[in-house]
N, C-alpha and C. Protein backbone atom coordinates (compact mmCIF):
# COMPACT_ATOMS: atom_id res chain seq x y z
N MET A 1 131.42 -122.90 63.54
CA MET A 1 131.19 -122.36 64.87
C MET A 1 130.55 -123.45 65.73
N ALA A 2 130.95 -123.57 66.96
CA ALA A 2 130.41 -124.59 67.86
C ALA A 2 128.96 -124.28 68.21
N ALA A 3 128.21 -125.33 68.46
CA ALA A 3 126.81 -125.16 68.85
C ALA A 3 126.74 -124.45 70.20
N LEU A 4 125.71 -123.63 70.34
CA LEU A 4 125.51 -122.89 71.59
C LEU A 4 125.17 -123.86 72.72
N ARG A 5 125.89 -123.78 73.78
CA ARG A 5 125.62 -124.58 74.97
C ARG A 5 125.62 -123.64 76.18
N PRO A 6 124.50 -122.96 76.39
CA PRO A 6 124.47 -122.01 77.50
C PRO A 6 124.63 -122.72 78.83
N GLN A 7 125.40 -122.10 79.70
CA GLN A 7 125.67 -122.66 81.02
C GLN A 7 124.59 -122.20 82.00
N LYS A 8 124.04 -123.17 82.72
CA LYS A 8 123.08 -122.87 83.79
C LYS A 8 123.81 -123.01 85.11
N LEU A 9 123.76 -121.98 85.93
CA LEU A 9 124.44 -122.01 87.22
C LEU A 9 123.71 -122.95 88.18
N PRO A 10 124.48 -123.78 88.91
CA PRO A 10 123.83 -124.64 89.90
C PRO A 10 123.17 -123.80 90.99
N PHE A 11 122.12 -124.29 91.54
CA PHE A 11 121.37 -123.63 92.62
C PHE A 11 120.74 -122.31 92.18
N ARG A 12 120.64 -122.07 90.87
CA ARG A 12 120.11 -120.78 90.43
C ARG A 12 118.66 -120.57 90.86
N ARG A 13 117.92 -121.64 91.00
CA ARG A 13 116.52 -121.51 91.40
C ARG A 13 116.37 -121.12 92.87
N ARG A 14 117.45 -121.21 93.63
CA ARG A 14 117.40 -120.85 95.06
C ARG A 14 117.90 -119.43 95.31
N MET A 15 118.36 -118.76 94.27
CA MET A 15 118.87 -117.39 94.41
C MET A 15 117.88 -116.41 93.79
N ALA A 16 118.08 -115.14 94.11
CA ALA A 16 117.32 -114.10 93.42
C ALA A 16 117.65 -114.21 91.93
N ARG A 17 116.63 -114.00 91.08
CA ARG A 17 116.84 -114.17 89.65
C ARG A 17 116.35 -112.95 88.90
N ALA A 18 117.03 -112.69 87.80
CA ALA A 18 116.65 -111.63 86.88
C ALA A 18 116.88 -112.15 85.47
N SER A 19 116.28 -111.49 84.52
CA SER A 19 116.51 -111.87 83.13
C SER A 19 116.47 -110.63 82.25
N VAL A 20 117.13 -110.72 81.12
CA VAL A 20 117.17 -109.62 80.16
C VAL A 20 116.86 -110.15 78.77
N ALA A 21 116.51 -109.24 77.88
CA ALA A 21 116.22 -109.58 76.49
C ALA A 21 117.24 -108.93 75.57
N LEU A 22 117.97 -109.76 74.83
CA LEU A 22 118.82 -109.28 73.74
C LEU A 22 117.94 -109.36 72.50
N ILE A 23 117.62 -108.21 71.94
CA ILE A 23 116.66 -108.13 70.84
C ILE A 23 117.38 -107.63 69.60
N TYR A 24 117.31 -108.41 68.53
CA TYR A 24 117.89 -107.94 67.28
C TYR A 24 116.79 -107.81 66.23
N ARG A 25 117.07 -106.99 65.24
CA ARG A 25 116.16 -106.81 64.11
C ARG A 25 117.01 -106.65 62.87
N HIS A 26 116.35 -106.72 61.73
CA HIS A 26 117.02 -106.43 60.47
C HIS A 26 116.57 -105.04 60.05
N GLY A 27 117.51 -104.10 60.11
CA GLY A 27 117.22 -102.70 59.81
C GLY A 27 117.13 -102.46 58.32
N GLU A 28 117.12 -101.20 57.96
CA GLU A 28 117.07 -100.83 56.55
C GLU A 28 118.28 -101.40 55.85
N GLY A 29 118.07 -101.98 54.70
CA GLY A 29 119.16 -102.62 53.98
C GLY A 29 119.43 -104.03 54.46
N GLY A 30 118.67 -104.50 55.46
CA GLY A 30 118.80 -105.87 55.94
C GLY A 30 119.87 -106.11 56.97
N GLU A 31 120.63 -105.06 57.35
CA GLU A 31 121.70 -105.28 58.33
C GLU A 31 121.11 -105.52 59.72
N ALA A 32 121.65 -106.52 60.41
CA ALA A 32 121.18 -106.85 61.75
C ALA A 32 121.65 -105.80 62.75
N GLU A 33 120.74 -105.42 63.65
CA GLU A 33 121.02 -104.44 64.70
C GLU A 33 120.56 -105.01 66.04
N LEU A 34 121.25 -104.63 67.10
CA LEU A 34 120.92 -105.09 68.45
C LEU A 34 120.43 -103.90 69.28
N LEU A 35 119.35 -104.12 70.02
CA LEU A 35 118.75 -103.05 70.82
C LEU A 35 119.43 -102.93 72.19
N PHE A 36 119.76 -101.70 72.53
CA PHE A 36 120.24 -101.36 73.87
C PHE A 36 119.36 -100.27 74.43
N ILE A 37 119.23 -100.24 75.75
CA ILE A 37 118.58 -99.11 76.41
C ILE A 37 119.67 -98.31 77.10
N GLN A 38 119.44 -97.00 77.20
CA GLN A 38 120.27 -96.19 78.07
C GLN A 38 119.44 -95.94 79.32
N ARG A 39 119.97 -96.39 80.45
CA ARG A 39 119.25 -96.25 81.71
C ARG A 39 119.07 -94.77 82.05
N ALA A 40 117.94 -94.46 82.64
CA ALA A 40 117.67 -93.09 83.08
C ALA A 40 118.69 -92.70 84.14
N ARG A 41 119.01 -91.42 84.19
CA ARG A 41 119.96 -90.91 85.18
C ARG A 41 119.21 -90.64 86.49
N ARG A 42 119.66 -91.34 87.55
CA ARG A 42 119.01 -91.22 88.85
C ARG A 42 120.07 -91.15 89.94
N ALA A 43 119.88 -90.25 90.89
CA ALA A 43 120.80 -90.13 92.02
C ALA A 43 120.81 -91.43 92.81
N GLY A 44 122.00 -91.87 93.20
CA GLY A 44 122.14 -93.07 93.99
C GLY A 44 122.19 -94.36 93.20
N ASP A 45 122.00 -94.29 91.90
CA ASP A 45 122.04 -95.49 91.05
C ASP A 45 123.43 -95.59 90.44
N PRO A 46 124.21 -96.61 90.83
CA PRO A 46 125.58 -96.70 90.32
C PRO A 46 125.66 -96.97 88.81
N TRP A 47 124.56 -97.43 88.21
CA TRP A 47 124.56 -97.69 86.76
C TRP A 47 123.72 -96.66 86.02
N SER A 48 123.50 -95.54 86.65
CA SER A 48 122.73 -94.45 86.07
C SER A 48 123.34 -94.01 84.74
N GLY A 49 122.53 -93.98 83.70
CA GLY A 49 122.98 -93.54 82.39
C GLY A 49 123.72 -94.59 81.58
N ASP A 50 123.94 -95.77 82.16
CA ASP A 50 124.67 -96.83 81.45
C ASP A 50 123.81 -97.47 80.36
N MET A 51 124.49 -98.09 79.42
CA MET A 51 123.83 -98.87 78.37
C MET A 51 123.56 -100.27 78.93
N ALA A 52 122.41 -100.82 78.57
CA ALA A 52 122.02 -102.13 79.09
C ALA A 52 121.03 -102.78 78.13
N PHE A 53 120.63 -103.98 78.47
CA PHE A 53 119.53 -104.65 77.77
C PHE A 53 118.30 -104.52 78.65
N PRO A 54 117.10 -104.43 78.04
CA PRO A 54 115.91 -104.36 78.88
C PRO A 54 115.76 -105.64 79.70
N GLY A 55 115.29 -105.48 80.92
CA GLY A 55 115.09 -106.64 81.78
C GLY A 55 115.05 -106.24 83.24
N GLY A 56 114.94 -107.23 84.09
CA GLY A 56 114.89 -106.96 85.52
C GLY A 56 114.60 -108.22 86.31
N ARG A 57 114.32 -108.03 87.59
CA ARG A 57 114.11 -109.15 88.51
C ARG A 57 112.81 -109.89 88.20
N MET A 58 112.86 -111.19 88.44
CA MET A 58 111.65 -112.01 88.35
C MET A 58 110.72 -111.64 89.50
N GLN A 59 109.44 -111.69 89.21
CA GLN A 59 108.43 -111.48 90.24
C GLN A 59 107.73 -112.81 90.51
N ALA A 60 107.05 -112.90 91.63
CA ALA A 60 106.41 -114.15 92.04
C ALA A 60 105.42 -114.67 91.00
N ASP A 61 104.76 -113.77 90.28
CA ASP A 61 103.76 -114.21 89.30
C ASP A 61 104.34 -114.48 87.91
N ASP A 62 105.66 -114.34 87.72
CA ASP A 62 106.29 -114.71 86.45
C ASP A 62 106.38 -116.23 86.38
N ALA A 63 105.87 -116.83 85.31
CA ALA A 63 105.90 -118.28 85.15
C ALA A 63 107.31 -118.79 84.88
N SER A 64 108.16 -117.93 84.31
CA SER A 64 109.53 -118.34 83.97
C SER A 64 110.41 -117.10 83.85
N ALA A 65 111.71 -117.34 83.77
CA ALA A 65 112.65 -116.22 83.59
C ALA A 65 112.45 -115.58 82.23
N SER A 66 112.14 -116.37 81.20
CA SER A 66 111.92 -115.78 79.87
C SER A 66 110.66 -114.92 79.87
N GLU A 67 109.64 -115.32 80.63
CA GLU A 67 108.45 -114.49 80.75
C GLU A 67 108.78 -113.17 81.45
N ALA A 68 109.67 -113.22 82.45
CA ALA A 68 110.09 -112.00 83.13
C ALA A 68 110.80 -111.06 82.16
N ALA A 69 111.63 -111.61 81.28
CA ALA A 69 112.32 -110.78 80.28
C ALA A 69 111.31 -110.11 79.35
N ARG A 70 110.30 -110.85 78.92
CA ARG A 70 109.25 -110.28 78.05
C ARG A 70 108.48 -109.18 78.79
N ARG A 71 108.09 -109.45 80.04
CA ARG A 71 107.33 -108.47 80.82
C ARG A 71 108.13 -107.20 81.06
N GLU A 72 109.39 -107.36 81.48
CA GLU A 72 110.24 -106.20 81.75
C GLU A 72 110.48 -105.38 80.48
N THR A 73 110.66 -106.05 79.35
CA THR A 73 110.87 -105.34 78.09
C THR A 73 109.64 -104.50 77.74
N LEU A 74 108.46 -105.07 77.91
CA LEU A 74 107.22 -104.34 77.64
C LEU A 74 107.10 -103.14 78.59
N GLU A 75 107.37 -103.35 79.88
CA GLU A 75 107.26 -102.26 80.85
C GLU A 75 108.24 -101.13 80.56
N GLU A 76 109.48 -101.48 80.23
CA GLU A 76 110.53 -100.47 80.06
C GLU A 76 110.50 -99.78 78.71
N THR A 77 110.14 -100.51 77.65
CA THR A 77 110.27 -99.96 76.29
C THR A 77 108.96 -99.90 75.51
N GLY A 78 107.94 -100.61 75.96
CA GLY A 78 106.70 -100.70 75.20
C GLY A 78 106.77 -101.70 74.06
N LEU A 79 107.90 -102.39 73.89
CA LEU A 79 108.04 -103.40 72.84
C LEU A 79 107.46 -104.71 73.34
N ASP A 80 106.47 -105.24 72.63
CA ASP A 80 105.74 -106.44 73.05
C ASP A 80 106.35 -107.68 72.40
N LEU A 81 107.21 -108.37 73.14
CA LEU A 81 107.88 -109.56 72.61
C LEU A 81 106.93 -110.75 72.48
N VAL A 82 105.82 -110.74 73.21
CA VAL A 82 104.84 -111.82 73.06
C VAL A 82 104.22 -111.75 71.67
N ARG A 83 103.89 -110.56 71.21
CA ARG A 83 103.24 -110.38 69.90
C ARG A 83 104.23 -110.28 68.75
N HIS A 84 105.38 -109.63 68.97
CA HIS A 84 106.27 -109.31 67.85
C HIS A 84 107.69 -109.85 67.99
N GLY A 85 107.96 -110.63 69.00
CA GLY A 85 109.30 -111.16 69.21
C GLY A 85 109.35 -112.66 68.96
N LEU A 86 110.28 -113.08 68.15
CA LEU A 86 110.49 -114.50 67.89
C LEU A 86 111.62 -114.98 68.79
N PHE A 87 111.31 -115.90 69.71
CA PHE A 87 112.32 -116.41 70.63
C PHE A 87 113.35 -117.21 69.85
N ARG A 88 114.65 -116.90 70.07
CA ARG A 88 115.73 -117.57 69.34
C ARG A 88 116.61 -118.44 70.23
N GLY A 89 116.64 -118.18 71.54
CA GLY A 89 117.48 -118.99 72.42
C GLY A 89 117.87 -118.23 73.67
N ARG A 90 118.73 -118.86 74.44
CA ARG A 90 119.22 -118.22 75.66
C ARG A 90 120.73 -118.30 75.69
N LEU A 91 121.31 -117.41 76.48
CA LEU A 91 122.75 -117.40 76.69
C LEU A 91 123.04 -117.93 78.10
N SER A 92 124.30 -117.99 78.44
CA SER A 92 124.70 -118.51 79.75
C SER A 92 124.28 -117.58 80.88
N ASP A 93 123.91 -118.21 82.01
CA ASP A 93 123.61 -117.46 83.22
C ASP A 93 124.85 -116.69 83.67
N LEU A 94 124.62 -115.53 84.27
CA LEU A 94 125.69 -114.73 84.86
C LEU A 94 125.38 -114.50 86.33
N LEU A 95 126.41 -114.55 87.14
CA LEU A 95 126.24 -114.31 88.57
C LEU A 95 126.65 -112.88 88.87
N THR A 96 125.79 -112.17 89.56
CA THR A 96 126.07 -110.79 89.96
C THR A 96 125.54 -110.62 91.38
N ARG A 97 125.40 -109.39 91.79
CA ARG A 97 124.81 -109.13 93.11
C ARG A 97 123.61 -108.22 92.93
N ARG A 98 122.71 -108.30 93.89
CA ARG A 98 121.54 -107.44 93.84
C ARG A 98 121.97 -105.99 94.05
N HIS A 99 121.25 -105.10 93.44
CA HIS A 99 121.53 -103.67 93.53
C HIS A 99 121.70 -103.26 94.99
N SER A 100 122.81 -102.64 95.31
CA SER A 100 123.16 -102.11 96.63
C SER A 100 123.21 -103.16 97.74
N GLN A 101 123.33 -104.43 97.36
CA GLN A 101 123.46 -105.50 98.34
C GLN A 101 124.58 -106.43 97.90
N TRP A 102 125.04 -107.26 98.80
CA TRP A 102 126.08 -108.23 98.46
C TRP A 102 125.50 -109.61 98.22
N ARG A 103 124.18 -109.75 98.26
CA ARG A 103 123.55 -111.05 98.03
C ARG A 103 123.62 -111.41 96.54
N PRO A 104 123.94 -112.66 96.23
CA PRO A 104 124.08 -113.04 94.83
C PRO A 104 122.75 -113.07 94.09
N MET A 105 122.83 -112.84 92.79
CA MET A 105 121.67 -112.89 91.91
C MET A 105 122.12 -113.48 90.58
N VAL A 106 121.29 -114.32 90.00
CA VAL A 106 121.57 -114.93 88.70
C VAL A 106 120.79 -114.17 87.64
N VAL A 107 121.48 -113.77 86.56
CA VAL A 107 120.85 -113.09 85.43
C VAL A 107 120.92 -114.02 84.22
N THR A 108 119.77 -114.25 83.59
CA THR A 108 119.71 -115.10 82.40
C THR A 108 119.33 -114.24 81.20
N PRO A 109 120.18 -114.20 80.17
CA PRO A 109 119.87 -113.46 78.94
C PRO A 109 119.12 -114.34 77.93
N TYR A 110 118.06 -113.79 77.35
CA TYR A 110 117.28 -114.47 76.31
C TYR A 110 117.38 -113.66 75.03
N VAL A 111 117.43 -114.36 73.90
CA VAL A 111 117.60 -113.70 72.60
C VAL A 111 116.30 -113.79 71.81
N PHE A 112 115.88 -112.64 71.26
CA PHE A 112 114.66 -112.54 70.47
C PHE A 112 114.95 -111.81 69.17
N GLU A 113 114.24 -112.20 68.13
CA GLU A 113 114.26 -111.43 66.88
C GLU A 113 113.02 -110.55 66.88
N TRP A 114 113.19 -109.25 66.66
CA TRP A 114 112.08 -108.29 66.66
C TRP A 114 111.48 -108.24 65.26
N ARG A 115 110.16 -108.44 65.18
CA ARG A 115 109.45 -108.40 63.91
C ARG A 115 108.26 -107.45 63.98
N GLY A 116 108.37 -106.44 64.80
CA GLY A 116 107.26 -105.52 64.98
C GLY A 116 107.61 -104.10 64.58
N PRO A 117 106.70 -103.18 64.87
CA PRO A 117 106.93 -101.77 64.54
C PRO A 117 108.01 -101.15 65.43
N ASP A 118 108.51 -100.01 65.00
CA ASP A 118 109.58 -99.32 65.72
C ASP A 118 109.08 -98.40 66.83
N GLU A 119 107.79 -98.40 67.09
CA GLU A 119 107.24 -97.49 68.08
C GLU A 119 107.54 -97.97 69.49
N ALA A 120 108.27 -97.16 70.23
CA ALA A 120 108.61 -97.48 71.61
C ALA A 120 107.88 -96.51 72.54
N ALA A 121 107.59 -96.98 73.74
CA ALA A 121 106.98 -96.16 74.79
C ALA A 121 107.82 -96.36 76.04
N LEU A 122 108.79 -95.48 76.23
CA LEU A 122 109.76 -95.64 77.32
C LEU A 122 109.16 -95.26 78.66
N ASN A 123 109.49 -96.04 79.70
CA ASN A 123 109.04 -95.67 81.04
C ASN A 123 110.13 -94.87 81.74
N HIS A 124 109.93 -94.58 83.02
CA HIS A 124 110.84 -93.72 83.79
C HIS A 124 112.23 -94.31 83.98
N GLU A 125 112.40 -95.62 83.76
CA GLU A 125 113.70 -96.26 83.95
C GLU A 125 114.63 -96.11 82.76
N VAL A 126 114.08 -95.70 81.62
CA VAL A 126 114.83 -95.69 80.36
C VAL A 126 114.88 -94.29 79.77
N GLU A 127 116.09 -93.84 79.45
CA GLU A 127 116.26 -92.53 78.82
C GLU A 127 116.04 -92.62 77.31
N ARG A 128 116.57 -93.69 76.69
CA ARG A 128 116.40 -93.86 75.24
C ARG A 128 116.74 -95.30 74.86
N ILE A 129 116.31 -95.67 73.65
CA ILE A 129 116.76 -96.94 73.09
C ILE A 129 117.64 -96.63 71.89
N VAL A 130 118.60 -97.52 71.65
CA VAL A 130 119.56 -97.34 70.56
C VAL A 130 119.71 -98.69 69.86
N TRP A 131 119.52 -98.69 68.55
CA TRP A 131 119.78 -99.90 67.74
C TRP A 131 121.19 -99.77 67.18
N ILE A 132 122.05 -100.74 67.49
CA ILE A 132 123.45 -100.68 67.07
C ILE A 132 123.73 -101.82 66.10
N PRO A 133 124.32 -101.53 64.93
CA PRO A 133 124.62 -102.59 63.96
C PRO A 133 125.52 -103.68 64.57
N LEU A 134 125.16 -104.93 64.33
CA LEU A 134 125.97 -106.04 64.82
C LEU A 134 127.38 -105.98 64.27
N SER A 135 127.52 -105.51 63.03
CA SER A 135 128.85 -105.42 62.43
C SER A 135 129.75 -104.49 63.24
N HIS A 136 129.18 -103.42 63.78
CA HIS A 136 129.95 -102.49 64.61
C HIS A 136 130.32 -103.15 65.95
N LEU A 137 129.35 -103.82 66.54
CA LEU A 137 129.58 -104.45 67.85
C LEU A 137 130.65 -105.54 67.77
N ALA A 138 130.74 -106.20 66.62
CA ALA A 138 131.71 -107.29 66.45
C ALA A 138 133.08 -106.79 65.99
N ALA A 139 133.15 -105.56 65.50
CA ALA A 139 134.41 -105.04 64.94
C ALA A 139 135.47 -104.84 66.02
N GLU A 140 136.68 -105.26 65.70
CA GLU A 140 137.80 -105.12 66.64
C GLU A 140 138.03 -103.66 67.02
N GLY A 141 137.85 -102.75 66.07
CA GLY A 141 138.07 -101.33 66.32
C GLY A 141 137.07 -100.70 67.27
N SER A 142 135.96 -101.38 67.53
CA SER A 142 134.95 -100.86 68.45
C SER A 142 135.24 -101.23 69.90
N GLN A 143 136.16 -102.17 70.09
CA GLN A 143 136.48 -102.64 71.44
C GLN A 143 137.44 -101.65 72.09
N SER A 144 137.24 -101.42 73.37
CA SER A 144 138.01 -100.40 74.07
C SER A 144 138.14 -100.78 75.54
N VAL A 145 138.55 -99.82 76.34
CA VAL A 145 138.68 -99.99 77.79
C VAL A 145 138.05 -98.78 78.46
N ARG A 146 137.36 -99.04 79.56
CA ARG A 146 136.73 -97.98 80.35
C ARG A 146 137.35 -98.03 81.74
N LEU A 147 137.71 -96.88 82.26
CA LEU A 147 138.24 -96.81 83.62
C LEU A 147 137.07 -96.73 84.59
N TRP A 148 136.98 -97.68 85.49
CA TRP A 148 135.89 -97.73 86.46
C TRP A 148 136.47 -97.62 87.86
N ARG A 149 135.96 -96.65 88.59
CA ARG A 149 136.44 -96.44 89.96
C ARG A 149 135.57 -97.26 90.91
N SER A 150 136.21 -98.21 91.57
CA SER A 150 135.52 -99.08 92.51
C SER A 150 136.05 -98.80 93.91
N PRO A 151 135.41 -99.36 94.94
CA PRO A 151 135.94 -99.20 96.30
C PRO A 151 137.34 -99.79 96.45
N PHE A 152 137.74 -100.62 95.51
CA PHE A 152 139.05 -101.28 95.56
C PHE A 152 140.09 -100.58 94.70
N GLY A 153 139.73 -99.45 94.11
CA GLY A 153 140.63 -98.70 93.25
C GLY A 153 140.12 -98.65 91.82
N ALA A 154 140.88 -98.03 90.95
CA ALA A 154 140.48 -97.90 89.55
C ALA A 154 140.77 -99.20 88.80
N LEU A 155 139.78 -99.64 88.04
CA LEU A 155 139.92 -100.86 87.24
C LEU A 155 139.73 -100.53 85.77
N ARG A 156 140.51 -101.18 84.93
CA ARG A 156 140.35 -101.05 83.48
C ARG A 156 139.40 -102.14 83.02
N MET A 157 138.21 -101.74 82.56
CA MET A 157 137.17 -102.69 82.18
C MET A 157 137.02 -102.71 80.66
N PRO A 158 136.94 -103.89 80.06
CA PRO A 158 136.72 -103.96 78.61
C PRO A 158 135.33 -103.41 78.28
N CYS A 159 135.22 -102.82 77.11
CA CYS A 159 133.95 -102.25 76.69
C CYS A 159 133.88 -102.17 75.17
N CYS A 160 132.71 -101.80 74.69
CA CYS A 160 132.49 -101.54 73.27
C CYS A 160 131.92 -100.13 73.17
N ARG A 161 132.45 -99.33 72.26
CA ARG A 161 131.99 -97.94 72.12
C ARG A 161 131.25 -97.75 70.80
N TYR A 162 130.20 -96.92 70.87
CA TYR A 162 129.42 -96.61 69.67
C TYR A 162 128.84 -95.21 69.82
N GLU A 163 129.26 -94.29 68.96
CA GLU A 163 128.71 -92.93 68.90
C GLU A 163 128.53 -92.30 70.28
N GLY A 164 129.54 -92.40 71.12
CA GLY A 164 129.50 -91.79 72.45
C GLY A 164 128.93 -92.69 73.53
N TYR A 165 128.36 -93.82 73.17
CA TYR A 165 127.84 -94.76 74.15
C TYR A 165 128.93 -95.77 74.50
N CYS A 166 128.87 -96.27 75.73
CA CYS A 166 129.85 -97.25 76.20
C CYS A 166 129.10 -98.45 76.79
N ILE A 167 129.33 -99.62 76.20
CA ILE A 167 128.71 -100.86 76.68
C ILE A 167 129.78 -101.60 77.47
N TRP A 168 129.54 -101.83 78.74
CA TRP A 168 130.54 -102.45 79.60
C TRP A 168 129.85 -103.31 80.66
N GLY A 169 130.64 -103.94 81.52
CA GLY A 169 130.11 -104.72 82.64
C GLY A 169 129.32 -105.94 82.19
N LEU A 170 128.21 -106.21 82.88
CA LEU A 170 127.40 -107.38 82.54
C LEU A 170 126.88 -107.32 81.12
N SER A 171 126.48 -106.14 80.67
CA SER A 171 125.97 -106.00 79.30
C SER A 171 127.04 -106.38 78.28
N TYR A 172 128.28 -105.97 78.54
CA TYR A 172 129.38 -106.32 77.65
C TYR A 172 129.63 -107.83 77.68
N SER A 173 129.56 -108.44 78.86
CA SER A 173 129.74 -109.89 78.96
C SER A 173 128.67 -110.63 78.17
N MET A 174 127.43 -110.18 78.26
CA MET A 174 126.34 -110.79 77.50
C MET A 174 126.54 -110.59 76.01
N LEU A 175 126.96 -109.39 75.63
CA LEU A 175 127.23 -109.10 74.22
C LEU A 175 128.30 -110.03 73.67
N ARG A 176 129.40 -110.20 74.40
CA ARG A 176 130.49 -111.08 73.94
C ARG A 176 130.01 -112.53 73.84
N ASP A 177 129.18 -112.96 74.78
CA ASP A 177 128.62 -114.31 74.73
C ASP A 177 127.77 -114.47 73.47
N PHE A 178 126.93 -113.47 73.19
CA PHE A 178 126.08 -113.51 72.00
C PHE A 178 126.92 -113.53 70.73
N LEU A 179 127.95 -112.68 70.66
CA LEU A 179 128.79 -112.61 69.47
C LEU A 179 129.57 -113.91 69.25
N GLY A 180 129.79 -114.68 70.29
CA GLY A 180 130.49 -115.95 70.17
C GLY A 180 129.57 -117.15 70.02
N SER A 181 128.28 -116.91 69.95
CA SER A 181 127.31 -118.01 69.90
C SER A 181 126.86 -118.31 68.48
N ASP A 182 126.21 -119.45 68.31
CA ASP A 182 125.64 -119.77 67.01
C ASP A 182 124.38 -118.95 66.73
N LEU A 183 123.85 -118.25 67.74
CA LEU A 183 122.71 -117.37 67.53
C LEU A 183 123.09 -116.17 66.66
N LEU A 184 124.36 -115.80 66.68
CA LEU A 184 124.83 -114.68 65.86
C LEU A 184 124.60 -114.97 64.38
N ALA A 185 124.86 -116.19 63.95
CA ALA A 185 124.68 -116.53 62.53
C ALA A 185 123.23 -116.37 62.11
N SER A 186 122.29 -116.79 62.96
CA SER A 186 120.88 -116.64 62.60
C SER A 186 120.46 -115.18 62.60
N ALA A 187 121.10 -114.36 63.43
CA ALA A 187 120.77 -112.93 63.47
C ALA A 187 121.32 -112.20 62.26
N ALA A 188 122.51 -112.59 61.83
CA ALA A 188 123.18 -111.87 60.75
C ALA A 188 122.62 -112.21 59.38
N ILE A 189 121.97 -113.35 59.25
CA ILE A 189 121.48 -113.79 57.95
C ILE A 189 119.99 -113.51 57.85
N ARG A 190 119.59 -113.00 56.71
CA ARG A 190 118.16 -112.78 56.49
C ARG A 190 117.74 -113.42 55.20
């Protein structure tokens, strides 16, 4: 497998920035699992109820994008990556737009290994957390298509399905990047 070479978008420091945490652990029996959050259902939120990784926009007092990912994870899930998360690397930047605006925003995914307790304290933004086996996420049979209605018409979007959950959009792009990276090997082996 080729060495991970995450792509950094030019001018990213001049745009709005956000970061997320891809967190894996070794579950019972040693199988690697990846954490997803299900966003809380809220009126007016186009991603209401969607599966995602914990994270959010950088704030002025965040020293770095990775610190923002740690802070947002703690706020949303109660999982303390400073105390119990082993930083493993970063994935390529993704360009998106700010919620309900057309202004560009750069999202940087960071990968952590979770070595702490399973106790979560969800805030109002998160309905639940779900640990999904990496073997399922990588399986060809788990890949599917989701019909997404946009202002431009219906689009067939690639996705991954697990027990009624659908991972699509930016989260799916990050997942595919992770599954194609050399970080996957370190996550799968214990």
